[in-house]
Amino acid sequence: RVGMLAEGRLVAEGTPEALVAEHGGPPRLELRLAEDSD
């Protein structure tokens, strides 16, 4: 189990799998566009 601390508060807790499933968001592709691309 994992406890997530931020600024002195426990903001989330659970198994790694459950935390990722609930808060991790969808898989994604990230690209950096060239300077001349719109």
Full PDB file with SEQRES, HELIX, SHEET, SSBOND, CRYST1, ORIGX, SCALE, CONECT and MASTER records, all heavy atoms in Angstrom:
SEQRES   1 A   38  ARG VAL GLY MET LEU ALA GLU GLY ARG LEU VAL ALA GLU          
SEQRES   2 A   38  GLY THR PRO GLU ALA LEU VAL ALA GLU HIS GLY GLY PRO          
SEQRES   3 A   38  PRO ARG LEU GLU LEU ARG LEU ALA GLU ASP SER ASP              
HELIX    1 AA1 PRO A   16  HIS A   23  1                                   8    
SHEET    1 AA1 2 VAL A   2  ALA A   6  0                                        
SHEET    2 AA1 2 ARG A   9  GLY A  14 -1                                        
CRYST1    1.000    1.000    1.000  90.00  90.00  90.00 P 1           1          
ORIGX1      1.000000  0.000000  0.000000        0.00000                         
ORIGX2      0.000000  1.000000  0.000000        0.00000                         
ORIGX3      0.000000  0.000000  1.000000        0.00000                         
SCALE1      1.000000  0.000000  0.000000        0.00000                         
SCALE2      0.000000  1.000000  0.000000        0.00000                         
SCALE3      0.000000  0.000000  1.000000        0.00000                         
ATOM      1  N   ARG A   1       0.848  -1.190   0.000  1.00  0.00           N  
ATOM      2  CA  ARG A   1       0.000   0.000   0.000  1.00  0.00           C  
ATOM      3  C   ARG A   1       0.882   1.238   0.000  1.00  0.00           C  
ATOM      4  O   ARG A   1       2.003   1.221   0.501  1.00  0.00           O  
ATOM      5  CB  ARG A   1      -0.933   0.035   1.222  1.00  0.00           C  
ATOM      6  CG  ARG A   1      -2.118  -0.910   1.141  1.00  0.00           C  
ATOM      7  CD  ARG A   1      -3.137  -0.604   2.224  1.00  0.00           C  
ATOM      8  NE  ARG A   1      -2.542  -0.712   3.550  1.00  0.00           N  
ATOM      9  CZ  ARG A   1      -2.780   0.140   4.541  1.00  0.00           C  
ATOM     10  NH1 ARG A   1      -3.573   1.199   4.347  1.00  0.00           N  
ATOM     11  NH2 ARG A   1      -2.222  -0.027   5.727  1.00  0.00           N  
ATOM     12  N   VAL A   2       0.333   2.315  -0.554  1.00  0.00           N  
ATOM     13  CA  VAL A   2       1.057   3.576  -0.678  1.00  0.00           C  
ATOM     14  C   VAL A   2       0.225   4.696  -0.073  1.00  0.00           C  
ATOM     15  O   VAL A   2      -0.984   4.781  -0.310  1.00  0.00           O  
ATOM     16  CB  VAL A   2       1.349   3.897  -2.162  1.00  0.00           C  
ATOM     17  CG1 VAL A   2       1.936   5.292  -2.314  1.00  0.00           C  
ATOM     18  CG2 VAL A   2       2.274   2.851  -2.771  1.00  0.00           C  
ATOM     19  N   GLY A   3       0.888   5.552   0.710  1.00  0.00           N  
ATOM     20  CA  GLY A   3       0.266   6.768   1.205  1.00  0.00           C  
ATOM     21  C   GLY A   3       0.910   7.960   0.524  1.00  0.00           C  
ATOM     22  O   GLY A   3       2.136   8.109   0.557  1.00  0.00           O  
ATOM     23  N   MET A   4       0.115   8.793  -0.132  1.00  0.00           N  
ATOM     24  CA  MET A   4       0.643   9.961  -0.842  1.00  0.00           C  
ATOM     25  C   MET A   4       0.577  11.192   0.047  1.00  0.00           C  
ATOM     26  O   MET A   4      -0.504  11.609   0.462  1.00  0.00           O  
ATOM     27  CB  MET A   4      -0.167  10.201  -2.126  1.00  0.00           C  
ATOM     28  CG  MET A   4       0.001   9.099  -3.150  1.00  0.00           C  
ATOM     29  SD  MET A   4      -0.950   9.462  -4.664  1.00  0.00           S  
ATOM     30  CE  MET A   4      -0.294   8.202  -5.780  1.00  0.00           C  
ATOM     31  N   LEU A   5       1.758  11.747   0.348  1.00  0.00           N  
ATOM     32  CA  LEU A   5       1.855  12.936   1.184  1.00  0.00           C  
ATOM     33  C   LEU A   5       2.107  14.171   0.331  1.00  0.00           C  
ATOM     34  O   LEU A   5       2.920  14.130  -0.592  1.00  0.00           O  
ATOM     35  CB  LEU A   5       2.995  12.800   2.187  1.00  0.00           C  
ATOM     36  CG  LEU A   5       2.737  12.042   3.490  1.00  0.00           C  
ATOM     37  CD1 LEU A   5       4.032  11.933   4.278  1.00  0.00           C  
ATOM     38  CD2 LEU A   5       1.669  12.711   4.332  1.00  0.00           C  
ATOM     39  N   ALA A   6       1.437  15.242   0.666  1.00  0.00           N  
ATOM     40  CA  ALA A   6       1.667  16.525  -0.001  1.00  0.00           C  
ATOM     41  C   ALA A   6       1.389  17.631   1.003  1.00  0.00           C  
ATOM     42  O   ALA A   6       0.297  17.680   1.588  1.00  0.00           O  
ATOM     43  CB  ALA A   6       0.765  16.679  -1.222  1.00  0.00           C  
ATOM     44  N   GLU A   7       2.380  18.463   1.243  1.00  0.00           N  
ATOM     45  CA  GLU A   7       2.250  19.597   2.157  1.00  0.00           C  
ATOM     46  C   GLU A   7       1.701  19.169   3.513  1.00  0.00           C  
ATOM     47  O   GLU A   7       0.844  19.833   4.098  1.00  0.00           O  
ATOM     48  CB  GLU A   7       1.368  20.680   1.531  1.00  0.00           C  
ATOM     49  CG  GLU A   7       1.958  21.234   0.237  1.00  0.00           C  
ATOM     50  CD  GLU A   7       1.083  22.288  -0.409  1.00  0.00           C  
ATOM     51  OE1 GLU A   7      -0.085  22.424   0.016  1.00  0.00           O  
ATOM     52  OE2 GLU A   7       1.564  22.973  -1.327  1.00  0.00           O  
ATOM     53  N   GLY A   8       2.220  18.035   3.999  1.00  0.00           N  
ATOM     54  CA  GLY A   8       1.869  17.570   5.330  1.00  0.00           C  
ATOM     55  C   GLY A   8       0.544  16.850   5.448  1.00  0.00           C  
ATOM     56  O   GLY A   8       0.131  16.476   6.555  1.00  0.00           O  
ATOM     57  N   ARG A   9      -0.127  16.625   4.340  1.00  0.00           N  
ATOM     58  CA  ARG A   9      -1.421  15.935   4.369  1.00  0.00           C  
ATOM     59  C   ARG A   9      -1.352  14.620   3.599  1.00  0.00           C  
ATOM     60  O   ARG A   9      -0.675  14.531   2.565  1.00  0.00           O  
ATOM     61  CB  ARG A   9      -2.523  16.811   3.773  1.00  0.00           C  
ATOM     62  CG  ARG A   9      -2.811  18.070   4.572  1.00  0.00           C  
ATOM     63  CD  ARG A   9      -3.903  18.899   3.932  1.00  0.00           C  
ATOM     64  NE  ARG A   9      -3.492  19.423   2.635  1.00  0.00           N  
ATOM     65  CZ  ARG A   9      -3.969  19.016   1.466  1.00  0.00           C  
ATOM     66  NH1 ARG A   9      -4.897  18.065   1.422  1.00  0.00           N  
ATOM     67  NH2 ARG A   9      -3.542  19.553   0.348  1.00  0.00           N  
ATOM     68  N   LEU A  10      -2.057  13.617   4.085  1.00  0.00           N  
ATOM     69  CA  LEU A  10      -2.189  12.356   3.368  1.00  0.00           C  
ATOM     70  C   LEU A  10      -3.347  12.525   2.384  1.00  0.00           C  
ATOM     71  O   LEU A  10      -4.510  12.491   2.767  1.00  0.00           O  
ATOM     72  CB  LEU A  10      -2.459  11.205   4.337  1.00  0.00           C  
ATOM     73  CG  LEU A  10      -2.354   9.797   3.758  1.00  0.00           C  
ATOM     74  CD1 LEU A  10      -0.897   9.465   3.429  1.00  0.00           C  
ATOM     75  CD2 LEU A  10      -2.900   8.769   4.741  1.00  0.00           C  
ATOM     76  N   VAL A  11      -3.022  12.695   1.106  1.00  0.00           N  
ATOM     77  CA  VAL A  11      -4.040  13.069   0.129  1.00  0.00           C  
ATOM     78  C   VAL A  11      -4.654  11.866  -0.575  1.00  0.00           C  
ATOM     79  O   VAL A  11      -5.720  11.988  -1.198  1.00  0.00           O  
ATOM     80  CB  VAL A  11      -3.457  14.044  -0.919  1.00  0.00           C  
ATOM     81  CG1 VAL A  11      -3.091  15.365  -0.258  1.00  0.00           C  
ATOM     82  CG2 VAL A  11      -2.230  13.448  -1.604  1.00  0.00           C  
ATOM     83  N   ALA A  12      -4.015  10.710  -0.504  1.00  0.00           N  
ATOM     84  CA  ALA A  12      -4.578   9.495  -1.102  1.00  0.00           C  
ATOM     85  C   ALA A  12      -3.850   8.298  -0.520  1.00  0.00           C  
ATOM     86  O   ALA A  12      -2.693   8.395  -0.102  1.00  0.00           O  
ATOM     87  CB  ALA A  12      -4.442   9.511  -2.626  1.00  0.00           C  
ATOM     88  N   GLU A  13      -4.524   7.164  -0.524  1.00  0.00           N  
ATOM     89  CA  GLU A  13      -3.940   5.946   0.033  1.00  0.00           C  
ATOM     90  C   GLU A  13      -4.580   4.736  -0.634  1.00  0.00           C  
ATOM     91  O   GLU A  13      -5.766   4.739  -0.948  1.00  0.00           O  
ATOM     92  CB  GLU A  13      -4.178   5.896   1.551  1.00  0.00           C  
ATOM     93  CG  GLU A  13      -3.501   4.731   2.255  1.00  0.00           C  
ATOM     94  CD  GLU A  13      -3.844   4.710   3.739  1.00  0.00           C  
ATOM     95  OE1 GLU A  13      -5.049   4.795   4.065  1.00  0.00           O  
ATOM     96  OE2 GLU A  13      -2.917   4.598   4.563  1.00  0.00           O  
ATOM     97  N   GLY A  14      -3.785   3.704  -0.871  1.00  0.00           N  
ATOM     98  CA  GLY A  14      -4.310   2.484  -1.465  1.00  0.00           C  
ATOM     99  C   GLY A  14      -3.194   1.654  -2.066  1.00  0.00           C  
ATOM    100  O   GLY A  14      -2.010   1.987  -1.952  1.00  0.00           O  
ATOM    101  N   THR A  15      -3.556   0.572  -2.720  1.00  0.00           N  
ATOM    102  CA  THR A  15      -2.548  -0.211  -3.415  1.00  0.00           C  
ATOM    103  C   THR A  15      -2.057   0.590  -4.615  1.00  0.00           C  
ATOM    104  O   THR A  15      -2.779   1.450  -5.138  1.00  0.00           O  
ATOM    105  CB  THR A  15      -3.125  -1.544  -3.902  1.00  0.00           C  
ATOM    106  OG1 THR A  15      -4.118  -1.281  -4.910  1.00  0.00           O  
ATOM    107  CG2 THR A  15      -3.750  -2.339  -2.757  1.00  0.00           C  
ATOM    108  N   PRO A  16      -0.824   0.338  -5.064  1.00  0.00           N  
ATOM    109  CA  PRO A  16      -0.360   1.070  -6.249  1.00  0.00           C  
ATOM    110  C   PRO A  16      -1.297   0.912  -7.438  1.00  0.00           C  
ATOM    111  O   PRO A  16      -1.578   1.881  -8.153  1.00  0.00           O  
ATOM    112  CB  PRO A  16       1.018   0.441  -6.520  1.00  0.00           C  
ATOM    113  CG  PRO A  16       1.481  -0.052  -5.195  1.00  0.00           C  
ATOM    114  CD  PRO A  16       0.239  -0.524  -4.498  1.00  0.00           C  
ATOM    115  N   GLU A  17      -1.798  -0.307  -7.630  1.00  0.00           N  
ATOM    116  CA  GLU A  17      -2.681  -0.553  -8.765  1.00  0.00           C  
ATOM    117  C   GLU A  17      -3.972   0.243  -8.657  1.00  0.00           C  
ATOM    118  O   GLU A  17      -4.446   0.826  -9.643  1.00  0.00           O  
ATOM    119  CB  GLU A  17      -3.008  -2.054  -8.858  1.00  0.00           C  
ATOM    120  CG  GLU A  17      -1.820  -2.950  -9.116  1.00  0.00           C  
ATOM    121  CD  GLU A  17      -1.008  -3.247  -7.868  1.00  0.00           C  
ATOM    122  OE1 GLU A  17      -1.450  -2.875  -6.750  1.00  0.00           O  
ATOM    123  OE2 GLU A  17       0.091  -3.840  -7.996  1.00  0.00           O  
ATOM    124  N   ALA A  18      -4.538   0.302  -7.455  1.00  0.00           N  
ATOM    125  CA  ALA A  18      -5.798   1.024  -7.273  1.00  0.00           C  
ATOM    126  C   ALA A  18      -5.597   2.531  -7.455  1.00  0.00           C  
ATOM    127  O   ALA A  18      -6.432   3.216  -8.056  1.00  0.00           O  
ATOM    128  CB  ALA A  18      -6.377   0.735  -5.893  1.00  0.00           C  
ATOM    129  N   LEU A  19      -4.479   3.067  -6.950  1.00  0.00           N  
ATOM    130  CA  LEU A  19      -4.213   4.498  -7.089  1.00  0.00           C  
ATOM    131  C   LEU A  19      -4.010   4.877  -8.549  1.00  0.00           C  
ATOM    132  O   LEU A  19      -4.503   5.915  -9.004  1.00  0.00           O  
ATOM    133  CB  LEU A  19      -2.978   4.877  -6.266  1.00  0.00           C  
ATOM    134  CG  LEU A  19      -3.156   4.848  -4.750  1.00  0.00           C  
ATOM    135  CD1 LEU A  19      -1.813   5.004  -4.053  1.00  0.00           C  
ATOM    136  CD2 LEU A  19      -4.131   5.928  -4.285  1.00  0.00           C  
ATOM    137  N   VAL A  20      -3.292   4.033  -9.291  1.00  0.00           N  
ATOM    138  CA  VAL A  20      -3.075   4.321 -10.714  1.00  0.00           C  
ATOM    139  C   VAL A  20      -4.388   4.240 -11.479  1.00  0.00           C  
ATOM    140  O   VAL A  20      -4.696   5.095 -12.321  1.00  0.00           O  
ATOM    141  CB  VAL A  20      -2.033   3.350 -11.308  1.00  0.00           C  
ATOM    142  CG1 VAL A  20      -1.951   3.518 -12.827  1.00  0.00           C  
ATOM    143  CG2 VAL A  20      -0.663   3.588 -10.685  1.00  0.00           C  
ATOM    144  N   ALA A  21      -5.198   3.213 -11.172  1.00  0.00           N  
ATOM    145  CA  ALA A  21      -6.469   3.048 -11.875  1.00  0.00           C  
ATOM    146  C   ALA A  21      -7.412   4.213 -11.611  1.00  0.00           C  
ATOM    147  O   ALA A  21      -8.130   4.670 -12.505  1.00  0.00           O  
ATOM    148  CB  ALA A  21      -7.132   1.735 -11.455  1.00  0.00           C  
ATOM    149  N   GLU A  22      -7.402   4.736 -10.383  1.00  0.00           N  
ATOM    150  CA  GLU A  22      -8.349   5.795 -10.018  1.00  0.00           C  
ATOM    151  C   GLU A  22      -7.878   7.179 -10.450  1.00  0.00           C  
ATOM    152  O   GLU A  22      -8.679   8.023 -10.851  1.00  0.00           O  
ATOM    153  CB  GLU A  22      -8.572   5.790  -8.504  1.00  0.00           C  
ATOM    154  CG  GLU A  22      -9.593   6.818  -8.032  1.00  0.00           C  
ATOM    155  CD  GLU A  22      -9.895   6.724  -6.550  1.00  0.00           C  
ATOM    156  OE1 GLU A  22      -9.352   5.824  -5.875  1.00  0.00           O  
ATOM    157  OE2 GLU A  22     -10.691   7.565  -6.059  1.00  0.00           O  
ATOM    158  N   HIS A  23      -6.561   7.407 -10.368  1.00  0.00           N  
ATOM    159  CA  HIS A  23      -6.064   8.769 -10.566  1.00  0.00           C  
ATOM    160  C   HIS A  23      -5.078   8.930 -11.719  1.00  0.00           C  
ATOM    161  O   HIS A  23      -4.758  10.062 -12.089  1.00  0.00           O  
ATOM    162  CB  HIS A  23      -5.376   9.264  -9.280  1.00  0.00           C  
ATOM    163  CG  HIS A  23      -6.214   9.198  -8.062  1.00  0.00           C  
ATOM    164  ND1 HIS A  23      -7.295  10.032  -7.849  1.00  0.00           N  
ATOM    165  CD2 HIS A  23      -6.147   8.382  -6.966  1.00  0.00           C  
ATOM    166  CE1 HIS A  23      -7.849   9.746  -6.677  1.00  0.00           C  
ATOM    167  NE2 HIS A  23      -7.176   8.760  -6.121  1.00  0.00           N  
ATOM    168  N   GLY A  24      -4.580   7.828 -12.270  1.00  0.00           N  
ATOM    169  CA  GLY A  24      -3.492   7.926 -13.235  1.00  0.00           C  
ATOM    170  C   GLY A  24      -3.877   8.467 -14.592  1.00  0.00           C  
ATOM    171  O   GLY A  24      -3.021   8.928 -15.345  1.00  0.00           O  
ATOM    172  N   GLY A  25      -5.156   8.400 -14.919  1.00  0.00           N  
ATOM    173  CA  GLY A  25      -5.584   8.888 -16.221  1.00  0.00           C  
ATOM    174  C   GLY A  25      -5.350   7.864 -17.321  1.00  0.00           C  
ATOM    175  O   GLY A  25      -4.805   6.783 -17.089  1.00  0.00           O  
ATOM    176  N   PRO A  26      -5.724   8.194 -18.546  1.00  0.00           N  
ATOM    177  CA  PRO A  26      -5.587   7.250 -19.664  1.00  0.00           C  
ATOM    178  C   PRO A  26      -4.156   7.224 -20.198  1.00  0.00           C  
ATOM    179  O   PRO A  26      -3.382   8.155 -19.972  1.00  0.00           O  
ATOM    180  CB  PRO A  26      -6.543   7.827 -20.711  1.00  0.00           C  
ATOM    181  CG  PRO A  26      -6.502   9.309 -20.456  1.00  0.00           C  
ATOM    182  CD  PRO A  26      -6.371   9.461 -18.968  1.00  0.00           C  
ATOM    183  N   PRO A  27      -3.799   6.168 -20.920  1.00  0.00           N  
ATOM    184  CA  PRO A  27      -2.505   6.184 -21.616  1.00  0.00           C  
ATOM    185  C   PRO A  27      -2.509   7.283 -22.670  1.00  0.00           C  
ATOM    186  O   PRO A  27      -3.565   7.666 -23.177  1.00  0.00           O  
ATOM    187  CB  PRO A  27      -2.428   4.793 -22.251  1.00  0.00           C  
ATOM    188  CG  PRO A  27      -3.848   4.341 -22.373  1.00  0.00           C  
ATOM    189  CD  PRO A  27      -4.567   4.940 -21.201  1.00  0.00           C  
ATOM    190  N   ARG A  28      -1.310   7.774 -23.002  1.00  0.00           N  
ATOM    191  CA  ARG A  28      -1.269   8.898 -23.933  1.00  0.00           C  
ATOM    192  C   ARG A  28       0.023   8.896 -24.740  1.00  0.00           C  
ATOM    193  O   ARG A  28       1.047   8.370 -24.310  1.00  0.00           O  
ATOM    194  CB  ARG A  28      -1.412  10.224 -23.189  1.00  0.00           C  
ATOM    195  CG  ARG A  28      -0.267  10.550 -22.247  1.00  0.00           C  
ATOM    196  CD  ARG A  28      -0.612  11.771 -21.398  1.00  0.00           C  
ATOM    197  NE  ARG A  28       0.519  12.244 -20.602  1.00  0.00           N  
ATOM    198  CZ  ARG A  28       0.855  11.769 -19.417  1.00  0.00           C  
ATOM    199  NH1 ARG A  28       0.167  10.766 -18.902  1.00  0.00           N  
ATOM    200  NH2 ARG A  28       1.884  12.277 -18.761  1.00  0.00           N  
ATOM    201  N   LEU A  29      -0.075   9.527 -25.896  1.00  0.00           N  
ATOM    202  CA  LEU A  29       1.078   9.761 -26.757  1.00  0.00           C  
ATOM    203  C   LEU A  29       1.411  11.244 -26.686  1.00  0.00           C  
ATOM    204  O   LEU A  29       0.531  12.094 -26.826  1.00  0.00           O  
ATOM    205  CB  LEU A  29       0.758   9.361 -28.202  1.00  0.00           C  
ATOM    206  CG  LEU A  29       1.846   9.634 -29.241  1.00  0.00           C  
ATOM    207  CD1 LEU A  29       3.077   8.767 -28.979  1.00  0.00           C  
ATOM    208  CD2 LEU A  29       1.312   9.406 -30.649  1.00  0.00           C  
ATOM    209  N   GLU A  30       2.689  11.558 -26.455  1.00  0.00           N  
ATOM    210  CA  GLU A  30       3.136  12.945 -26.386  1.00  0.00           C  
ATOM    211  C   GLU A  30       4.113  13.211 -27.516  1.00  0.00           C  
ATOM    212  O   GLU A  30       5.027  12.419 -27.751  1.00  0.00           O  
ATOM    213  CB  GLU A  30       3.820  13.230 -25.043  1.00  0.00           C  
ATOM    214  CG  GLU A  30       2.897  13.049 -23.847  1.00  0.00           C  
ATOM    215  CD  GLU A  30       3.638  13.196 -22.522  1.00  0.00           C  
ATOM    216  OE1 GLU A  30       4.895  13.212 -22.548  1.00  0.00           O  
ATOM    217  OE2 GLU A  30       2.977  13.278 -21.480  1.00  0.00           O  
ATOM    218  N   LEU A  31       3.921  14.313 -28.205  1.00  0.00           N  
ATOM    219  CA  LEU A  31       4.804  14.710 -29.295  1.00  0.00           C  
ATOM    220  C   LEU A  31       5.209  16.162 -29.123  1.00  0.00           C  
ATOM    221  O   LEU A  31       4.422  16.981 -28.638  1.00  0.00           O  
ATOM    222  CB  LEU A  31       4.120  14.548 -30.660  1.00  0.00           C  
ATOM    223  CG  LEU A  31       3.616  13.166 -31.042  1.00  0.00           C  
ATOM    224  CD1 LEU A  31       2.118  13.088 -30.790  1.00  0.00           C  
ATOM    225  CD2 LEU A  31       3.922  12.882 -32.507  1.00  0.00           C  
ATOM    226  N   ARG A  32       6.419  16.465 -29.517  1.00  0.00           N  
ATOM    227  CA  ARG A  32       6.866  17.847 -29.552  1.00  0.00           C  
ATOM    228  C   ARG A  32       6.898  18.296 -31.006  1.00  0.00           C  
ATOM    229  O   ARG A  32       7.643  17.739 -31.827  1.00  0.00           O  
ATOM    230  CB  ARG A  32       8.253  17.997 -28.917  1.00  0.00           C  
ATOM    231  CG  ARG A  32       8.770  19.433 -28.958  1.00  0.00           C  
ATOM    232  CD  ARG A  32       9.909  19.635 -27.987  1.00  0.00           C  
ATOM    233  NE  ARG A  32       9.450  19.468 -26.606  1.00  0.00           N  
ATOM    234  CZ  ARG A  32      10.278  19.344 -25.569  1.00  0.00           C  
ATOM    235  NH1 ARG A  32      11.579  19.340 -25.760  1.00  0.00           N  
ATOM    236  NH2 ARG A  32       9.790  19.229 -24.351  1.00  0.00           N  
ATOM    237  N   LEU A  33       6.084  19.275 -31.323  1.00  0.00           N  
ATOM    238  CA  LEU A  33       5.961  19.746 -32.694  1.00  0.00           C  
ATOM    239  C   LEU A  33       7.169  20.590 -33.089  1.00  0.00           C  
ATOM    240  O   LEU A  33       7.775  21.271 -32.259  1.00  0.00           O  
ATOM    241  CB  LEU A  33       4.689  20.570 -32.847  1.00  0.00           C  
ATOM    242  CG  LEU A  33       3.374  19.858 -32.493  1.00  0.00           C  
ATOM    243  CD1 LEU A  33       2.201  20.807 -32.675  1.00  0.00           C  
ATOM    244  CD2 LEU A  33       3.192  18.590 -33.316  1.00  0.00           C  
ATOM    245  N   ALA A  34       7.511  20.525 -34.362  1.00  0.00           N  
ATOM    246  CA  ALA A  34       8.603  21.347 -34.888  1.00  0.00           C  
ATOM    247  C   ALA A  34       8.217  22.820 -34.810  1.00  0.00           C  
ATOM    248  O   ALA A  34       7.032  23.186 -34.759  1.00  0.00           O  
ATOM    249  CB  ALA A  34       8.909  20.952 -36.330  1.00  0.00           C  
ATOM    250  N   GLU A  35       9.233  23.685 -34.804  1.00  0.00           N  
ATOM    251  CA  GLU A  35       9.001  25.116 -34.647  1.00  0.00           C  
ATOM    252  C   GLU A  35       8.098  25.684 -35.731  1.00  0.00           C  
ATOM    253  O   GLU A  35       7.316  26.610 -35.492  1.00  0.00           O  
ATOM    254  CB  GLU A  35      10.349  25.861 -34.642  1.00  0.00           C  
ATOM    255  CG  GLU A  35      11.192  25.625 -33.391  1.00  0.00           C  
ATOM    256  CD  GLU A  35      10.549  26.203 -32.149  1.00  0.00           C  
ATOM    257  OE1 GLU A  35       9.804  27.206 -32.276  1.00  0.00           O  
ATOM    258  OE2 GLU A  35      10.770  25.663 -31.058  1.00  0.00           O  
ATOM    259  N   ASP A  36       8.189  25.142 -36.941  1.00  0.00           N  
ATOM    260  CA  ASP A  36       7.404  25.699 -38.047  1.00  0.00           C  
ATOM    261  C   ASP A  36       6.065  24.990 -38.236  1.00  0.00           C  
ATOM    262  O   ASP A  36       5.380  25.219 -39.242  1.00  0.00           O  
ATOM    263  CB  ASP A  36       8.215  25.652 -39.346  1.00  0.00           C  
ATOM    264  CG  ASP A  36       8.653  24.235 -39.701  1.00  0.00           C  
ATOM    265  OD1 ASP A  36       8.463  23.326 -38.857  1.00  0.00           O  
ATOM    266  OD2 ASP A  36       9.191  24.044 -40.806  1.00  0.00           O  
ATOM    267  N   SER A  37       5.682  24.118 -37.299  1.00  0.00           N  
ATOM    268  CA  SER A  37       4.403  23.414 -37.415  1.00  0.00           C  
ATOM    269  C   SER A  37       3.294  24.189 -36.712  1.00  0.00           C  
ATOM    270  O   SER A  37       3.511  24.785 -35.652  1.00  0.00           O  
ATOM    271  CB  SER A  37       4.507  22.009 -36.812  1.00  0.00           C  
ATOM    272  OG  SER A  37       5.351  21.193 -37.591  1.00  0.00           O  
ATOM    273  N   ASP A  38       2.114  24.163 -37.298  1.00  0.00           N  
ATOM    274  CA  ASP A  38       0.966  24.889 -36.759  1.00  0.00           C  
ATOM    275  C   ASP A  38       0.184  23.947 -35.834  1.00  0.00           C  
ATOM    276  O   ASP A  38      -0.382  22.947 -36.293  1.00  0.00           O  
ATOM    277  CB  ASP A  38       0.075  25.356 -37.907  1.00  0.00           C  
ATOM    278  CG  ASP A  38      -1.091  26.211 -37.428  1.00  0.00           C  
ATOM    279  OD1 ASP A  38      -1.312  26.284 -36.200  1.00  0.00           O  
ATOM    280  OD2 ASP A  38      -1.784  26.792 -38.285  1.00  0.00           O  
TER     281      ASP A  38                                                      
MASTER        0    0    0    1    2    0    0    6  280    1    0    3          
END                                                                             
